[in-house]
C-alpha atoms as a PDB file:
ATOM      1  CA  MET A   1      -0.050  -0.066  -0.056  1.00  0.00           C
ATOM      2  CA  GLY A   2       2.988   2.479   0.602  1.00  0.00           C
ATOM      3  CA  PRO A   3       3.944   3.340  -2.795  1.00  0.00           C
ATOM      4  CA  THR A   4       0.276   3.373  -3.925  1.00  0.00           C
ATOM      5  CA  SER A   5      -0.722   5.760  -1.300  1.00  0.00           C
ATOM      6  CA  ILE A   6       2.239   8.157  -2.115  1.00  0.00           C
ATOM      7  CA  GLN A   7       1.386   8.163  -5.860  1.00  0.00           C
ATOM      8  CA  ARG A   8      -2.324   9.062  -4.884  1.00  0.00           C
ATOM      9  CA  ASP A   9      -1.758  11.286  -1.961  1.00  0.00           C
ATOM     10  CA  ARG A  10       0.896  13.429  -3.365  1.00  0.00           C
ATOM     11  CA  THR A  11      -1.327  14.356  -6.458  1.00  0.00           C
ATOM     12  CA  ASP A  12      -4.471  14.806  -4.565  1.00  0.00           C
ATOM     13  CA  TYR A  13      -3.190  16.569  -1.620  1.00  0.00           C
ATOM     14  CA  GLY A  14      -1.140  18.964  -3.860  1.00  0.00           C
ATOM     15  CA  GLY A  15      -4.156  19.518  -6.136  1.00  0.00           C
ATOM     16  CA  VAL A  16      -6.314  20.593  -3.141  1.00  0.00           C
ATOM     17  CA  LEU A  17      -3.598  22.811  -1.737  1.00  0.00           C
ATOM     18  CA  SER A  18      -2.969  24.810  -4.873  1.00  0.00           C
ATOM     19  CA  THR A  19      -6.921  25.044  -5.326  1.00  0.00           C
ATOM     20  CA  THR A  20      -7.610  26.258  -1.854  1.00  0.00           C
ATOM     21  CA  TRP A  21      -4.336  28.689  -1.900  1.00  0.00           C
ATOM     22  CA  LYS A  22      -6.058  30.475  -5.115  1.00  0.00           C
ATOM     23  CA  GLU A  23      -9.556  30.443  -3.341  1.00  0.00           C
ATOM     24  CA  GLN A  24      -8.412  31.868  -0.049  1.00  0.00           C
ATOM     25  CA  THR A  25      -6.309  34.610  -1.558  1.00  0.00           C
ATOM     26  CA  LEU A  26      -9.282  35.423  -4.192  1.00  0.00           C
ATOM     27  CA  LEU A  27     -11.648  35.590  -1.167  1.00  0.00           C
ATOM     28  CA  ASN A  28      -9.461  37.635   0.830  1.00  0.00           C
ATOM     29  CA  VAL A  29      -9.017  40.187  -1.798  1.00  0.00           C
ATOM     30  CA  VAL A  30     -12.982  40.366  -2.098  1.00  0.00           C
ATOM     31  CA  LYS A  31     -13.338  40.789   1.481  1.00  0.00           C
ATOM     32  CA  LEU A  32     -10.999  43.823   1.455  1.00  0.00           C
ATOM     33  CA  ARG A  33     -13.386  45.406  -0.899  1.00  0.00           C
ATOM     34  CA  TYR A  34     -16.275  45.093   1.244  1.00  0.00           C
ATOM     35  CA  GLY A  35     -14.167  46.416   4.589  1.00  0.00           C
ATOM     36  CA  ASP A  36     -14.253  42.849   5.758  1.00  0.00           C
ATOM     37  CA  VAL A  37     -11.474  40.964   7.833  1.00  0.00           C
ATOM     38  CA  PRO A  38      -9.113  38.842   5.707  1.00  0.00           C
ATOM     39  CA  VAL A  39      -8.238  35.658   7.448  1.00  0.00           C
ATOM     40  CA  TYR A  40      -5.175  33.501   6.235  1.00  0.00           C
ATOM     41  CA  LEU A  41      -4.543  30.073   7.396  1.00  0.00           C
ATOM     42  CA  ASP A  42      -1.115  27.959   6.533  1.00  0.00           C
ATOM     43  CA  VAL A  43      -1.585  24.503   6.253  1.00  0.00           C
ATOM     44  CA  THR A  44       1.732  23.354   8.334  1.00  0.00           C
ATOM     45  CA  SER A  45       1.841  19.803   8.239  1.00  0.00           C
ATOM     46  CA  MET A  46      -0.011  16.838   6.802  1.00  0.00           C
ATOM     47  CA  ILE A  47       0.173  13.354   7.934  1.00  0.00           C
ATOM     48  CA  SER A  48      -1.516  10.642   6.075  1.00  0.00           C
ATOM     49  CA  SER A  49      -1.910   7.430   8.115  1.00  0.00           C
ATOM     50  CA  THR A  50      -3.412   4.429   6.301  1.00  0.00           C
ATOM     51  CA  ALA A  51      -4.184   0.887   7.358  1.00  0.00           C
ATOM     52  CA  MET A  52      -5.767  -2.311   6.003  1.00  0.00           C
ATOM     53  CA  GLU A  53      -6.895  -5.477   7.664  1.00  0.00           C
ATOM     54  CA  SER A  54      -8.263  -8.431   6.372  1.00  0.00           C
ATOM     55  CA  GLN A  55      -9.251 -12.017   7.442  1.00  0.00           C
ATOM     56  CA  VAL A  56     -10.872 -14.948   5.981  1.00  0.00           C
ATOM     57  CA  SER A  57     -12.042 -18.202   7.786  1.00  0.00           C
ATOM     58  CA  LEU A  58     -13.416 -21.480   6.676  1.00  0.00           C
ATOM     59  CA  GLY A  59     -14.672 -24.269   8.736  1.00  0.00           C
ATOM     60  CA  ALA A  60     -16.690 -27.658   8.435  1.00  0.00           C
ATOM     61  CA  SER A  61     -17.669 -30.356  10.788  1.00  0.00           C
ATOM     62  CA  TRP A  62     -19.511 -33.652  10.737  1.00  0.00           C
ATOM     63  CA  PHE A  63     -21.679 -35.356  13.447  1.00  0.00           C
ATOM     64  CA  SER A  64     -22.963 -38.996  13.517  1.00  0.00           C
ATOM     65  CA  GLY A  65     -25.182 -40.571  15.857  1.00  0.00           C
ATOM     66  CA  TRP A  66     -28.446 -39.651  17.190  1.00  0.00           C
ATOM     67  CA  PRO A  67     -29.538 -36.881  18.115  1.00  0.00           C
ATOM     68  CA  ASN A  68     -26.573 -35.292  16.290  1.00  0.00           C
ATOM     69  CA  ASP A  69     -26.909 -36.626  12.840  1.00  0.00           C
ATOM     70  CA  GLY A  70     -25.970 -33.962  10.068  1.00  0.00           C
ATOM     71  CA  ASP A  71     -23.185 -31.944   9.312  1.00  0.00           C
ATOM     72  CA  SER A  72     -22.403 -27.971   9.004  1.00  0.00           C
ATOM     73  CA  GLN A  73     -20.087 -25.563   7.305  1.00  0.00           C
ATOM     74  CA  ALA A  74     -19.023 -22.146   8.158  1.00  0.00           C
ATOM     75  CA  ILE A  75     -17.367 -19.628   5.897  1.00  0.00           C
ATOM     76  CA  GLY A  76     -16.631 -16.067   7.008  1.00  0.00           C
ATOM     77  CA  ALA A  77     -14.612 -12.884   5.926  1.00  0.00           C
ATOM     78  CA  TYR A  78     -13.669  -9.696   7.460  1.00  0.00           C
ATOM     79  CA  GLY A  79     -12.091  -6.643   6.077  1.00  0.00           C
ATOM     80  CA  ARG A  80     -11.230  -3.010   7.440  1.00  0.00           C
ATOM     81  CA  TYR A  81      -9.764   0.131   5.495  1.00  0.00           C
ATOM     82  CA  THR A  82      -8.815   3.028   7.821  1.00  0.00           C
ATOM     83  CA  ASP A  83      -7.583   6.368   6.415  1.00  0.00           C
ATOM     84  CA  ARG A  84      -6.934   9.053   8.955  1.00  0.00           C
ATOM     85  CA  PRO A  85      -5.144  12.124   7.687  1.00  0.00           C
ATOM     86  CA  THR A  86      -3.882  14.481  10.346  1.00  0.00           C
ATOM     87  CA  ILE A  87      -3.780  18.173   9.036  1.00  0.00           C
ATOM     88  CA  SER A  88      -2.522  21.196  11.184  1.00  0.00           C
ATOM     89  CA  TYR A  89      -3.645  24.563  10.527  1.00  0.00           C
ATOM     90  CA  THR A  90      -1.829  27.718  11.579  1.00  0.00           C
ATOM     91  CA  PRO A  91      -3.556  31.136  11.384  1.00  0.00           C
ATOM     92  CA  LEU A  92      -1.320  34.299  10.414  1.00  0.00           C
ATOM     93  CA  SER A  93      -1.063  36.396  13.205  1.00  0.00           C
ATOM     94  CA  GLY A  94       1.174  38.688  15.190  1.00  0.00           C
ATOM     95  CA  GLU A  95       4.792  39.003  13.855  1.00  0.00           C
ATOM     96  CA  LYS A  96       4.234  36.481  11.062  1.00  0.00           C
ATOM     97  CA  PHE A  97       1.172  38.576   9.851  1.00  0.00           C
ATOM     98  CA  SER A  98       3.175  41.735   9.846  1.00  0.00           C
ATOM     99  CA  ARG A  99       5.861  40.010   7.694  1.00  0.00           C
ATOM    100  CA  TYR A 100       3.540  38.699   5.477  1.00  0.00           C
ATOM    101  CA  LEU A 101       1.082  41.573   4.844  1.00  0.00           C
ATOM    102  CA  LEU A 102       2.156  44.655   6.273  1.00  0.00           C
ATOM    103  CA  HIS A 103       6.022  44.945   5.613  1.00  0.00           C
ATOM    104  CA  PRO A 104       7.101  46.276   2.390  1.00  0.00           C
ATOM    105  CA  LEU A 105       8.799  43.961   0.119  1.00  0.00           C
ATOM    106  CA  SER A 106      12.420  44.425   0.127  1.00  0.00           C
ATOM    107  CA  PRO A 107      13.907  46.471  -3.020  1.00  0.00           C
ATOM    108  CA  ALA A 108      16.625  43.734  -3.587  1.00  0.00           C
ATOM    109  CA  SER A 109      13.852  41.063  -3.602  1.00  0.00           C
ATOM    110  CA  VAL A 110      11.799  42.850  -6.196  1.00  0.00           C
ATOM    111  CA  PHE A 111      15.027  43.299  -8.437  1.00  0.00           C
ATOM    112  CA  ALA A 112      16.188  39.624  -7.705  1.00  0.00           C
ATOM    113  CA  LEU A 113      12.909  38.729  -9.386  1.00  0.00           C
ATOM    114  CA  VAL A 114      13.965  40.761 -12.501  1.00  0.00           C
ATOM    115  CA  GLN A 115      17.279  39.140 -12.427  1.00  0.00           C
ATOM    116  CA  ALA A 116      15.569  35.839 -12.482  1.00  0.00           C
ATOM    117  CA  GLY A 117      13.773  36.542 -15.604  1.00  0.00           C
ATOM    118  CA  TYR A 118      10.484  38.065 -14.545  1.00  0.00           C
ATOM    119  CA  PRO A 119       9.416  41.069 -16.913  1.00  0.00           C
ATOM    120  CA  VAL A 120      10.858  44.332 -15.314  1.00  0.00           C
ATOM    121  CA  ASP A 121       7.663  46.156 -16.265  1.00  0.00           C
ATOM    122  CA  ARG A 122       5.101  43.648 -14.661  1.00  0.00           C
ATOM    123  CA  VAL A 123       7.282  43.450 -11.579  1.00  0.00           C
ATOM    124  CA  LEU A 124       7.647  47.147 -10.887  1.00  0.00           C
ATOM    125  CA  GLN A 125       3.927  48.088 -11.817  1.00  0.00           C
ATOM    126  CA  LEU A 126       2.879  45.614  -9.310  1.00  0.00           C
ATOM    127  CA  THR A 127       5.005  45.992  -6.474  1.00  0.00           C
ATOM    128  CA  THR A 128       6.264  49.681  -6.668  1.00  0.00           C
ATOM    129  CA  ARG A 129       4.724  52.781  -5.447  1.00  0.00           C
ATOM    130  CA  ALA A 130       7.349  55.308  -6.741  1.00  0.00           C
ATOM    131  CA  ILE A 131      11.120  54.940  -8.240  1.00  0.00           C
ATOM    132  CA  ASN A 132      13.162  58.132  -7.302  1.00  0.00           C
ATOM    133  CA  GLY A 133       9.896  60.111  -6.744  1.00  0.00           C
ATOM    134  CA  VAL A 134       8.355  59.045 -10.112  1.00  0.00           C
ATOM    135  CA  TYR A 135       4.920  57.697  -9.076  1.00  0.00           C
ATOM    136  CA  ASN A 136       2.981  54.705 -10.216  1.00  0.00           C
ATOM    137  CA  ARG A 137      -0.855  54.715 -10.260  1.00  0.00           C
ATOM    138  CA  SER A 138      -2.954  53.589  -7.248  1.00  0.00           C
ATOM    139  CA  ALA A 139      -6.592  52.562  -7.667  1.00  0.00           C
ATOM    140  CA  SER A 140      -6.845  52.098  -3.636  1.00  0.00           C
ATOM    141  CA  PRO A 141      -9.310  54.296  -2.001  1.00  0.00           C
ATOM    142  CA  THR A 142      -6.812  55.349   0.620  1.00  0.00           C
ATOM    143  CA  ARG A 143      -4.088  56.429  -2.013  1.00  0.00           C
ATOM    144  CA  ALA A 144      -5.909  57.135  -5.325  1.00  0.00           C
ATOM    145  CA  ARG A 145      -3.745  59.194  -7.596  1.00  0.00           C
ATOM    146  CA  ALA A 146      -2.971  59.068 -11.415  1.00  0.00           C
ATOM    147  CA  ALA A 147       0.452  57.787 -12.491  1.00  0.00           C
ATOM    148  CA  ASP A 148       3.298  60.223 -13.507  1.00  0.00           C
ATOM    149  CA  PRO A 149       3.287  59.646 -17.396  1.00  0.00           C
ATOM    150  CA  ARG A 150       7.097  59.214 -16.998  1.00  0.00           C
ATOM    151  CA  PHE A 151       6.571  56.193 -14.868  1.00  0.00           C
ATOM    152  CA  TYR A 152       4.967  54.154 -17.674  1.00  0.00           C
ATOM    153  CA  GLN A 153       7.723  55.481 -20.119  1.00  0.00           C
ATOM    154  CA  VAL A 154      10.325  54.026 -17.861  1.00  0.00           C
ATOM    155  CA  LEU A 155       8.633  50.664 -17.618  1.00  0.00           C
ATOM    156  CA  GLU A 156       8.341  50.495 -21.337  1.00  0.00           C
ATOM    157  CA  THR A 157      12.009  51.637 -21.575  1.00  0.00           C
ATOM    158  CA  LEU A 158      13.374  49.203 -18.946  1.00  0.00           C
ATOM    159  CA  ARG A 159      11.274  46.167 -20.682  1.00  0.00           C
ATOM    160  CA  ARG A 160      12.998  47.028 -24.191  1.00  0.00           C
ATOM    161  CA  ILE A 161      16.358  46.954 -22.304  1.00  0.00           C
ATOM    162  CA  GLN A 162      15.432  43.870 -20.695  1.00  0.00           C
ATOM    163  CA  ARG A 163      14.325  42.132 -24.117  1.00  0.00           C
ATOM    164  CA  SER A 164      17.572  43.337 -25.839  1.00  0.00           C
ATOM    165  CA  GLU A 165      19.728  41.029 -23.404  1.00  0.00           C
ATOM    166  CA  SER A 166      22.610  43.319 -24.038  1.00  0.00           C
ATOM    167  CA  LEU A 167      22.270  45.055 -20.708  1.00  0.00           C
ATOM    168  CA  GLY A 168      22.250  43.130 -17.578  1.00  0.00           C
ATOM    169  CA  MET A 169      22.096  43.737 -13.847  1.00  0.00           C
ATOM    170  CA  ARG A 170      23.265  41.836 -10.574  1.00  0.00           C
ATOM    171  CA  ILE A 171      22.397  42.315  -6.992  1.00  0.00           C
ATOM    172  CA  ASN A 172      25.309  42.251  -4.565  1.00  0.00           C
ATOM    173  CA  PRO A 173      23.761  42.283  -1.154  1.00  0.00           C
ATOM    174  CA  GLY A 174      25.065  45.275   1.143  1.00  0.00           C
ATOM    175  CA  ALA A 175      25.911  45.500   4.749  1.00  0.00           C
ATOM    176  CA  GLY A 176      22.615  46.712   5.920  1.00  0.00           C
ATOM    177  CA  GLU A 177      19.268  46.826   3.992  1.00  0.00           C
ATOM    178  CA  ASP A 178      20.602  48.620   0.988  1.00  0.00           C
ATOM    179  CA  ALA A 179      22.109  46.577  -1.983  1.00  0.00           C
ATOM    180  CA  VAL A 180      24.475  47.246  -4.904  1.00  0.00           C
ATOM    181  CA  LEU A 181      22.626  47.086  -8.449  1.00  0.00           C
ATOM    182  CA  VAL A 182      25.387  46.486 -10.880  1.00  0.00           C
ATOM    183  CA  MET A 183      24.716  47.367 -14.642  1.00  0.00           C
ATOM    184  CA  ILE A 184      26.578  44.943 -16.853  1.00  0.00           C
ATOM    185  CA  ASN A 185      27.103  46.141 -20.537  1.00  0.00           C
ATOM    186  CA  GLN A 186      27.766  43.683 -23.242  1.00  0.00           C
ATOM    187  CA  GLY A 187      28.207  45.528 -26.757  1.00  0.00           C
ATOM    188  CA  VAL A 188      25.347  47.535 -26.196  1.00  0.00           C
ATOM    189  CA  PRO A 189      23.777  48.809 -29.361  1.00  0.00           C
ATOM    190  CA  GLU A 190      22.819  52.472 -30.046  1.00  0.00           C
ATOM    191  CA  ASN A 191      19.093  52.139 -29.404  1.00  0.00           C
ATOM    192  CA  VAL A 192      19.656  50.396 -26.151  1.00  0.00           C
ATOM    193  CA  LEU A 193      22.209  53.009 -25.000  1.00  0.00           C
ATOM    194  CA  LYS A 194      19.437  55.671 -25.934  1.00  0.00           C
ATOM    195  CA  ASP A 195      16.843  53.759 -23.678  1.00  0.00           C
ATOM    196  CA  SER A 196      19.497  53.687 -20.976  1.00  0.00           C
ATOM    197  CA  ARG A 197      20.174  57.254 -21.178  1.00  0.00           C
ATOM    198  CA  TYR A 198      16.600  58.007 -20.950  1.00  0.00           C
ATOM    199  CA  VAL A 199      16.150  55.801 -17.744  1.00  0.00           C
ATOM    200  CA  ARG A 200      19.222  57.690 -15.958  1.00  0.00           C
ATOM    201  CA  GLU A 201      17.879  61.195 -16.919  1.00  0.00           C
ATOM    202  CA  THR A 202      14.138  60.548 -15.756  1.00  0.00           C
ATOM    203  CA  LEU A 203      15.511  59.052 -12.612  1.00  0.00           C
ATOM    204  CA  HIS A 204      18.251  61.534 -11.974  1.00  0.00           C
ATOM    205  CA  LEU A 205      21.143  58.964 -12.138  1.00  0.00           C
ATOM    206  CA  ARG A 206      24.789  59.816 -12.899  1.00  0.00           C
ATOM    207  CA  PRO A 207      25.183  58.701 -16.684  1.00  0.00           C
ATOM    208  CA  ASP A 208      28.706  57.281 -16.255  1.00  0.00           C
ATOM    209  CA  THR A 209      28.355  55.042 -13.324  1.00  0.00           C
ATOM    210  CA  SER A 210      27.733  51.150 -13.542  1.00  0.00           C
ATOM    211  CA  GLU A 211      27.024  50.674  -9.790  1.00  0.00           C
ATOM    212  CA  LEU A 212      23.932  51.878  -7.943  1.00  0.00           C
ATOM    213  CA  THR A 213      22.825  51.682  -4.563  1.00  0.00           C
ATOM    214  CA  LEU A 214      19.521  50.006  -4.255  1.00  0.00           C
ATOM    215  CA  THR A 215      17.316  51.263  -1.117  1.00  0.00           C
ATOM    216  CA  PHE A 216      13.856  51.619   0.245  1.00  0.00           C
ATOM    217  CA  GLY A 217      12.642  55.080   0.119  1.00  0.00           C
ATOM    218  CA  MET A 218      10.487  57.989  -1.668  1.00  0.00           C
ATOM    219  CA  VAL A 219      13.334  59.914  -3.149  1.00  0.00           C
ATOM    220  CA  SER A 220      17.059  59.158  -3.557  1.00  0.00           C
ATOM    221  CA  ARG A 221      19.857  60.937  -1.642  1.00  0.00           C
ATOM    222  CA  GLY A 222      22.007  61.177  -4.665  1.00  0.00           C
ATOM    223  CA  ASP A 223      22.744  60.483  -8.376  1.00  0.00           C
ATOM    224  CA  THR A 224      23.828  57.057  -7.787  1.00  0.00           C
ATOM    225  CA  GLU A 225      20.896  55.765  -5.800  1.00  0.00           C
ATOM    226  CA  VAL A 226      17.718  54.062  -6.834  1.00  0.00           C
ATOM    227  CA  ALA A 227      15.090  54.473  -4.303  1.00  0.00           C
ATOM    228  CA  LEU A 228      12.318  51.981  -4.612  1.00  0.00           C
ATOM    229  CA  LEU A 229       9.202  52.585  -2.570  1.00  0.00           C
ATOM    230  CA  THR A 230       7.838  49.246  -2.640  1.00  0.00           C
ATOM    231  CA  ARG A 231       4.295  47.996  -1.850  1.00  0.00           C
ATOM    232  CA  SER A 232       3.411  45.604   1.058  1.00  0.00           C
ATOM    233  CA  MET A 233       1.332  42.551   0.261  1.00  0.00           C
ATOM    234  CA  SER A 234      -1.621  44.214   1.864  1.00  0.00           C
ATOM    235  CA  GLU A 235      -1.228  47.099  -0.504  1.00  0.00           C
ATOM    236  CA  ILE A 236      -1.123  45.017  -3.493  1.00  0.00           C
ATOM    237  CA  PHE A 237      -4.248  43.126  -2.517  1.00  0.00           C
ATOM    238  CA  LEU A 238      -6.172  46.519  -1.931  1.00  0.00           C
ATOM    239  CA  GLU A 239      -5.152  47.651  -5.357  1.00  0.00           C
ATOM    240  CA  LEU A 240      -6.779  44.167  -6.892  1.00  0.00           C
ATOM    241  CA  ALA A 241      -9.857  44.710  -4.617  1.00  0.00           C
ATOM    242  CA  ALA A 242     -10.245  48.341  -6.041  1.00  0.00           C
ATOM    243  CA  THR A 243     -10.900  47.153  -9.562  1.00  0.00           C
ATOM    244  CA  ILE A 244     -13.184  44.163  -8.642  1.00  0.00           C
ATOM    245  CA  GLU A 245     -16.409  44.169 -10.637  1.00  0.00           C
ATOM    246  CA  VAL A 246     -18.665  44.484  -7.768  1.00  0.00           C
ATOM    247  CA  PRO A 247     -22.482  43.895  -8.212  1.00  0.00           C
ATOM    248  CA  PRO A 248     -24.159  47.208  -8.721  1.00  0.00           C
ATOM    249  CA  GLN A 249     -26.810  46.664  -5.990  1.00  0.00           C
ATOM    250  CA  HIS A 250     -23.940  46.180  -3.465  1.00  0.00           C
ATOM    251  CA  LEU A 251     -22.396  49.812  -4.634  1.00  0.00           C
ATOM    252  CA  LYS A 252     -25.835  51.305  -4.458  1.00  0.00           C
ATOM    253  CA  GLU A 253     -26.459  49.985  -0.806  1.00  0.00           C
ATOM    254  CA  GLY A 254     -23.000  51.200   0.201  1.00  0.00           C
ATOM    255  CA  ARG A 255     -21.881  47.450   1.000  1.00  0.00           C
ATOM    256  CA  ALA A 256     -18.529  47.865  -0.757  1.00  0.00           C
ATOM    257  CA  SER A 257     -16.363  50.818  -1.477  1.00  0.00           C
ATOM    258  CA  PRO A 258     -16.784  52.600  -4.875  1.00  0.00           C
ATOM    259  CA  ALA A 259     -14.546  52.105  -7.613  1.00  0.00           C
ATOM    260  CA  ALA A 260     -11.679  54.293  -8.289  1.00  0.00           C
ATOM    261  CA  ALA A 261     -11.951  57.265 -10.626  1.00  0.00           C
ATOM    262  CA  ALA A 262     -10.911  56.632 -14.062  1.00  0.00           C
ATOM    263  CA  PRO A 263      -7.740  58.739 -15.109  1.00  0.00           C
ATOM    264  CA  ASP A 264      -8.206  61.666 -17.106  1.00  0.00           C
ATOM    265  CA  ASN A 265      -6.111  60.333 -20.118  1.00  0.00           C
ATOM    266  CA  PRO A 266      -6.489  56.435 -19.672  1.00  0.00           C
ATOM    267  CA  SER A 267      -3.793  54.175 -21.166  1.00  0.00           C
ATOM    268  CA  PRO A 268      -3.711  50.411 -21.381  1.00  0.00           C
ATOM    269  CA  TRP A 269      -1.393  50.467 -18.413  1.00  0.00           C
ATOM    270  CA  ASP A 270      -4.614  51.740 -16.183  1.00  0.00           C
ATOM    271  CA  ASP A 271      -6.293  48.451 -16.911  1.00  0.00           C
ATOM    272  CA  PRO A 272      -6.836  46.199 -14.000  1.00  0.00           C
ATOM    273  CA  LEU A 273      -4.077  44.054 -13.310  1.00  0.00           C
ATOM    274  CA  VAL A 274      -6.379  41.073 -12.512  1.00  0.00           C
ATOM    275  CA  ARG A 275     -10.005  41.137 -13.792  1.00  0.00           C
ATOM    276  CA  ILE A 276     -12.220  39.573 -11.154  1.00  0.00           C
ATOM    277  CA  HIS A 277     -15.800  39.368 -12.258  1.00  0.00           C
ATOM    278  CA  SER A 278     -19.000  38.713 -10.216  1.00  0.00           C
ATOM    279  CA  SER A 279     -22.251  36.926 -11.052  1.00  0.00           C
ATOM    280  CA  ALA A 280     -25.372  35.489  -9.121  1.00  0.00           C
ATOM    281  CA  GLU A 281     -24.697  32.130 -10.979  1.00  0.00           C
ATOM    282  CA  ARG A 282     -21.536  29.864 -10.554  1.00  0.00           C
ATOM    283  CA  PRO A 283     -19.352  30.414 -13.810  1.00  0.00           C
ATOM    284  CA  ALA A 284     -18.686  27.394 -15.731  1.00  0.00           C
ATOM    285  CA  ASP A 285     -15.361  28.127 -16.902  1.00  0.00           C
ATOM    286  CA  ALA A 286     -13.251  29.720 -14.069  1.00  0.00           C
ATOM    287  CA  TYR A 287      -9.533  29.730 -13.149  1.00  0.00           C
ATOM    288  CA  SER A 288     -10.585  30.240  -9.346  1.00  0.00           C
ATOM    289  CA  ALA A 289     -13.943  31.053  -7.982  1.00  0.00           C
ATOM    290  CA  VAL A 290     -15.168  31.844  -4.495  1.00  0.00           C
ATOM    291  CA  ARG A 291     -18.831  32.675  -3.187  1.00  0.00           C
ATOM    292  CA  TYR A 292     -19.223  35.672  -0.828  1.00  0.00           C
ATOM    293  CA  ARG A 293     -22.657  37.439   0.195  1.00  0.00           C
ATOM    294  CA  ASP A 294     -24.607  35.095  -2.223  1.00  0.00           C
ATOM    295  CA  TYR A 295     -22.508  36.099  -5.250  1.00  0.00           C
ATOM    296  CA  TRP A 296     -19.827  34.469  -7.180  1.00  0.00           C
ATOM    297  CA  PHE A 297     -16.378  36.209  -7.739  1.00  0.00           C
ATOM    298  CA  TRP A 298     -14.238  34.488 -10.242  1.00  0.00           C
ATOM    299  CA  ILE A 299     -11.291  35.065 -12.683  1.00  0.00           C
ATOM    300  CA  ASP A 300     -11.951  33.692 -16.166  1.00  0.00           C
ATOM    301  CA  ASP A 301      -9.724  30.531 -16.973  1.00  0.00           C
ATOM    302  CA  ARG A 302      -9.731  32.168 -20.767  1.00  0.00           C
ATOM    303  CA  ASP A 303      -7.974  35.444 -19.349  1.00  0.00           C
ATOM    304  CA  MET A 304      -4.310  34.489 -19.523  1.00  0.00           C
ATOM    305  CA  LYS A 305      -3.183  37.913 -18.471  1.00  0.00           C
ATOM    306  CA  SER A 306      -5.319  37.946 -15.342  1.00  0.00           C
ATOM    307  CA  LYS A 307      -4.173  34.271 -14.683  1.00  0.00           C
ATOM    308  CA  SER A 308      -0.409  35.013 -15.002  1.00  0.00           C
ATOM    309  CA  GLU A 309      -0.735  38.081 -12.793  1.00  0.00           C
ATOM    310  CA  PHE A 310      -2.572  36.329 -10.147  1.00  0.00           C
ATOM    311  CA  LEU A 311       0.080  33.412 -10.257  1.00  0.00           C
ATOM    312  CA  PHE A 312       2.722  36.080  -9.723  1.00  0.00           C
ATOM    313  CA  ILE A 313       0.984  37.505  -6.618  1.00  0.00           C
ATOM    314  CA  LEU A 314       0.862  34.035  -5.195  1.00  0.00           C
ATOM    315  CA  VAL A 315       4.649  34.109  -5.938  1.00  0.00           C
ATOM    316  CA  LEU A 316       5.074  37.316  -4.267  1.00  0.00           C
ATOM    317  CA  PHE A 317       3.276  36.236  -1.357  1.00  0.00           C
ATOM    318  CA  SER A 318       5.642  33.324  -0.677  1.00  0.00           C
ATOM    319  CA  LEU A 319       8.615  35.773  -1.202  1.00  0.00           C
ATOM    320  CA  ALA A 320       7.061  38.077   1.554  1.00  0.00           C
ATOM    321  CA  GLU A 321       7.991  35.319   4.053  1.00  0.00           C
ATOM    322  CA  THR A 322      11.190  36.366   5.799  1.00  0.00           C
ATOM    323  CA  GLY A 323      12.993  35.212   8.988  1.00  0.00           C
ATOM    324  CA  VAL A 324      12.839  32.127  11.046  1.00  0.00           C
ATOM    325  CA  PRO A 325       9.390  30.156  10.371  1.00  0.00           C
ATOM    326  CA  PRO A 326       7.454  29.343  13.413  1.00  0.00           C
ATOM    327  CA  GLN A 327       7.558  26.005  14.468  1.00  0.00           C
ATOM    328  CA  ALA A 328       5.113  23.709  13.472  1.00  0.00           C
ATOM    329  CA  PRO A 329       2.893  21.721  16.179  1.00  0.00           C
ATOM    330  CA  VAL A 330       4.623  18.562  17.447  1.00  0.00           C
ATOM    331  CA  ILE A 331       2.495  15.603  16.588  1.00  0.00           C
ATOM    332  CA  THR A 332       3.252  12.027  18.006  1.00  0.00           C
ATOM    333  CA  VAL A 333       2.273   9.315  15.321  1.00  0.00           C
ATOM    334  CA  PRO A 334       2.090   5.750  16.477  1.00  0.00           C
ATOM    335  CA  ALA A 335       4.620   3.394  14.340  1.00  0.00           C
ATOM    336  CA  ASN A 336       2.575   0.174  15.469  1.00  0.00           C
END
């Protein structure tokens, strides 16, 4: 039974964990739009104990002489299958809650994602409020503001530089929270040099240096520093919640916060990062769907952009965990 149970359990448990992770994240994003309390539960351990018992018995007897003339036969079978999974849940609270949701993402971690191959425009648009004082758009009610037009231009320029593969970067951890961002030139063509000059001019960086200090902050302290004002996971979830397609009746009754005002000069960059729909009926083709307040909130499985952005957010959620993880509950399992 051992090999068979591993083949079954790893697939089944893995699939359920993946599905419930998406559903829990989606539900908490929806709750934020309604001013409700998000709740996060971590599955810290899973122990599957399986046992099978079987027994077959066969008996026969013959009797002679009165009054016991005759014979008798008996056959019996017994079987029992037991599957007792032990699953431990840990709610996010206290210091761990602060690390996961309230603490801004590390600038070095953000650029490490870029170094790992994630699109730089996608990473910075989702995780960053400002770069050297150039601000991103915010749809959150508490921080609603239009983007600085230069921010989107910087994103487009950085993406072109990344696609050229002729200008790379390396993150060198610093002594403190700061890190050194090293720009690597590899026979850079003229069009890439032009893009690089535009980024340096917009962010007020020295044109002749290849080492830049990467730090957290609103504005830089000099022309060799890249100050990233990063978002926390809570801020990212609020940005997603602000663009949910909430049922009009809920908005009319004041049950959910109103949608952010549209920019004066909208651009494709202002489209929702993840399109979350709502309907009274369960969707037939959903990537992830949750039921809340008698409505279904869901992401269309055919919306590849929303799916990839949502997956990236789950990766960021894992990245937000820093420090020493808490000890899981100690469970004693009999070995028989």
